[in-house]
Amino acid sequence: MKYIIVLFIAAFSLNVQAQSDAIEKYFQQYIDNEDFTVVYVSPKMFSLISKLDLNEVDNDPEAKAVMETIKDIKGLRVLKTDINPLERYKEAMNTINTKEYEVLVTVRDKGQNVRIWVKEEADKIGELLLLVGAAEEFVMLSFVGDIDLDKISKLANNIDISGAEHLEKVGSGN
């Protein structure tokens, strides 16, 4: 029985790893390409940020909200380009296996495509993936960690990353 449980855990881990690898592979494909703006915030950086003294931000409600949100985030990846953005969007849609994700938001309006997915693990959202494709820009944004959609939607107002404004659509208050 012990071996069956170990095999089940190993198979589940490989499945989760395979999807993460697809996003990682897509991200790595463009990490050195000068046509892209690339942001990667490692789990270690989020860990260090979460250890900052919150007393310093108590008087700033926006800073406190940001700190509360990022304490549970383990990683962030962002790719952005304005060169052939619709091609990059189509490529990402064909490359990244989104079948393991649940669609939260799909918007197509005036030539702009926005898709937001989440991946749940043990009834908690462990990953949020956002793709934006428009004539002006392509944005891929991936959060990993213990994701609270209400907090992420509020965080969208406080981070200066193109495409992040679409995260406002995921909060329950919207």
Protein backbone atom coordinates (compact mmCIF):
# COMPACT_ATOMS: atom_id res chain seq x y z
CA MET A 1 0.00 0.00 0.00
CA LYS A 2 2.86 2.35 0.86
CA TYR A 3 4.31 1.87 -2.65
CA ILE A 4 1.00 2.72 -4.30
CA ILE A 5 0.83 5.99 -2.37
CA VAL A 6 4.42 6.84 -3.29
CA LEU A 7 3.72 6.08 -6.97
CA PHE A 8 0.57 8.21 -6.89
CA ILE A 9 2.46 11.15 -5.35
CA ALA A 10 5.30 10.76 -7.85
CA ALA A 11 2.88 10.65 -10.81
CA PHE A 12 1.02 13.72 -9.50
CA SER A 13 4.30 15.58 -8.99
CA LEU A 14 5.45 14.78 -12.51
CA ASN A 15 2.14 16.03 -13.92
CA VAL A 16 2.42 19.32 -12.00
CA GLN A 17 6.09 19.62 -12.94
CA ALA A 18 5.30 19.05 -16.63
CA GLN A 19 2.91 22.02 -16.70
CA SER A 20 5.33 24.23 -14.80
CA ASP A 21 7.99 23.15 -17.27
CA ALA A 22 5.80 24.27 -20.19
CA ILE A 23 5.49 27.79 -18.75
CA GLU A 24 9.15 27.76 -17.69
CA LYS A 25 10.20 26.58 -21.15
CA TYR A 26 8.17 29.32 -22.85
CA PHE A 27 9.60 31.90 -20.46
CA GLN A 28 13.18 30.65 -20.92
CA GLN A 29 12.79 30.77 -24.70
CA TYR A 30 12.62 34.57 -24.56
CA ILE A 31 14.57 35.42 -21.41
CA ASP A 32 17.60 36.69 -23.37
CA ASN A 33 15.63 38.14 -26.29
CA GLU A 34 16.04 41.93 -26.33
CA ASP A 35 12.58 42.31 -27.87
CA PHE A 36 11.04 41.28 -24.53
CA THR A 37 10.78 42.91 -21.17
CA VAL A 38 11.44 40.09 -18.72
CA VAL A 39 10.69 40.05 -15.00
CA TYR A 40 11.41 37.09 -12.75
CA VAL A 41 11.00 37.32 -9.00
CA SER A 42 12.27 34.17 -7.32
CA PRO A 43 10.75 32.38 -4.34
CA LYS A 44 13.77 33.52 -2.29
CA MET A 45 13.04 37.17 -3.05
CA PHE A 46 9.39 36.80 -1.97
CA SER A 47 10.60 35.05 1.16
CA LEU A 48 12.94 37.95 1.96
CA ILE A 49 10.23 40.54 1.27
CA SER A 50 7.76 38.74 3.51
CA LYS A 51 10.25 38.98 6.40
CA LEU A 52 10.36 42.79 6.25
CA ASP A 53 9.12 44.59 9.33
CA LEU A 54 5.44 45.42 8.75
CA ASN A 55 5.61 48.18 11.39
CA GLU A 56 7.29 50.34 8.76
CA VAL A 57 4.24 50.14 6.48
CA ASP A 58 1.48 50.35 9.12
CA ASN A 59 0.80 54.00 8.27
CA ASP A 60 0.51 53.28 4.54
CA PRO A 61 -2.62 51.21 3.75
CA GLU A 62 -1.53 50.55 0.15
CA ALA A 63 1.90 49.29 1.22
CA LYS A 64 0.32 47.14 3.92
CA ALA A 65 -2.11 45.61 1.39
CA VAL A 66 0.79 44.83 -0.96
CA MET A 67 2.78 43.20 1.86
CA GLU A 68 -0.23 41.10 2.91
CA THR A 69 -0.67 39.90 -0.66
CA ILE A 70 2.92 39.05 -1.46
CA LYS A 71 3.59 37.13 1.75
CA ASP A 72 1.91 34.07 0.19
CA ILE A 73 3.36 34.44 -3.31
CA LYS A 74 6.28 32.18 -4.13
CA GLY A 75 7.19 33.37 -7.62
CA LEU A 76 6.35 35.78 -10.41
CA ARG A 77 7.24 35.67 -14.09
CA VAL A 78 6.41 38.35 -16.63
CA LEU A 79 7.12 38.46 -20.36
CA LYS A 80 6.10 41.51 -22.36
CA THR A 81 6.73 42.63 -25.91
CA ASP A 82 5.28 45.03 -28.46
CA ILE A 83 6.97 43.24 -31.39
CA ASN A 84 4.58 40.86 -33.17
CA PRO A 85 2.37 40.68 -30.07
CA LEU A 86 -0.52 38.80 -31.67
CA GLU A 87 1.90 36.17 -33.00
CA ARG A 88 3.37 35.77 -29.49
CA TYR A 89 -0.14 35.43 -28.04
CA LYS A 90 -1.08 32.70 -30.53
CA GLU A 91 2.25 30.97 -29.93
CA ALA A 92 1.73 31.01 -26.16
CA MET A 93 -1.82 29.69 -26.55
CA ASN A 94 -0.47 26.81 -28.66
CA THR A 95 2.58 26.12 -26.48
CA ILE A 96 1.25 26.29 -22.93
CA ASN A 97 -1.06 23.44 -21.98
CA THR A 98 -3.92 25.25 -20.26
CA LYS A 99 -6.09 22.12 -19.90
CA GLU A 100 -4.88 21.70 -16.32
CA TYR A 101 -6.14 25.18 -15.48
CA GLU A 102 -9.60 26.53 -14.87
CA VAL A 103 -10.63 29.57 -16.89
CA LEU A 104 -11.52 32.57 -14.75
CA VAL A 105 -11.83 35.33 -17.32
CA THR A 106 -11.87 35.49 -21.09
CA VAL A 107 -12.25 38.88 -22.76
CA ARG A 108 -12.03 39.74 -26.42
CA ASP A 109 -12.74 43.39 -27.08
CA LYS A 110 -11.55 45.75 -29.82
CA GLY A 111 -8.70 43.50 -30.90
CA GLN A 112 -7.53 42.74 -27.38
CA ASN A 113 -7.55 39.19 -26.01
CA VAL A 114 -7.29 38.60 -22.27
CA ARG A 115 -7.29 35.17 -20.67
CA ILE A 116 -6.85 34.40 -16.99
CA TRP A 117 -6.58 30.87 -15.63
CA VAL A 118 -5.98 29.39 -12.20
CA LYS A 119 -4.67 26.06 -11.08
CA GLU A 120 -6.03 24.66 -7.85
CA GLU A 121 -4.19 22.32 -5.53
CA ALA A 122 -6.00 20.94 -2.48
CA ASP A 123 -8.80 23.53 -2.82
CA LYS A 124 -6.30 26.40 -2.89
CA ILE A 125 -5.25 28.39 -5.90
CA GLY A 126 -1.58 27.58 -6.44
CA GLU A 127 -1.04 29.40 -9.73
CA LEU A 128 -2.56 32.24 -11.69
CA LEU A 129 -1.71 32.64 -15.37
CA LEU A 130 -2.62 35.72 -17.42
CA LEU A 131 -2.12 36.13 -21.17
CA VAL A 132 -2.84 39.35 -23.04
CA GLY A 133 -2.61 39.63 -26.79
CA ALA A 134 -3.39 42.81 -28.68
CA ALA A 135 -2.04 44.74 -31.64
CA GLU A 136 0.05 46.85 -29.24
CA GLU A 137 1.42 44.27 -26.81
CA PHE A 138 1.75 40.72 -25.58
CA VAL A 139 1.92 40.03 -21.84
CA MET A 140 2.34 36.73 -20.01
CA LEU A 141 2.16 36.94 -16.24
CA SER A 142 2.37 33.93 -13.92
CA PHE A 143 1.99 34.02 -10.13
CA VAL A 144 2.80 30.91 -8.09
CA GLY A 145 2.03 30.46 -4.40
CA ASP A 146 -1.04 30.56 -2.20
CA ILE A 147 -3.12 32.91 -4.33
CA ASP A 148 -6.00 34.93 -2.89
CA LEU A 149 -7.95 36.35 -5.84
CA ASP A 150 -9.32 39.32 -3.90
CA LYS A 151 -5.84 40.31 -2.77
CA ILE A 152 -4.39 39.83 -6.26
CA SER A 153 -7.09 42.03 -7.78
CA LYS A 154 -6.23 44.77 -5.27
CA LEU A 155 -2.51 44.30 -5.93
CA ALA A 156 -3.17 45.07 -9.60
CA ASN A 157 -3.70 48.72 -8.67
CA ASN A 158 -0.33 48.90 -6.93
CA ILE A 159 2.04 47.21 -9.37
CA ASP A 160 3.35 48.91 -12.45
CA ILE A 161 3.40 45.98 -14.89
CA SER A 162 1.64 46.36 -18.20
CA GLY A 163 -1.22 43.89 -18.37
CA ALA A 164 -1.57 43.61 -14.58
CA GLU A 165 -4.57 45.91 -14.68
CA HIS A 166 -6.53 42.93 -16.04
CA LEU A 167 -6.07 41.21 -12.67
CA GLU A 168 -8.71 43.58 -11.29
CA LYS A 169 -11.25 41.37 -13.07
CA VAL A 170 -10.58 38.34 -10.82
CA GLY A 171 -11.69 39.66 -7.43
CA SER A 172 -15.02 38.53 -5.98
CA GLY A 173 -16.07 42.13 -5.44
CA ASN A 174 -16.08 42.78 -9.20
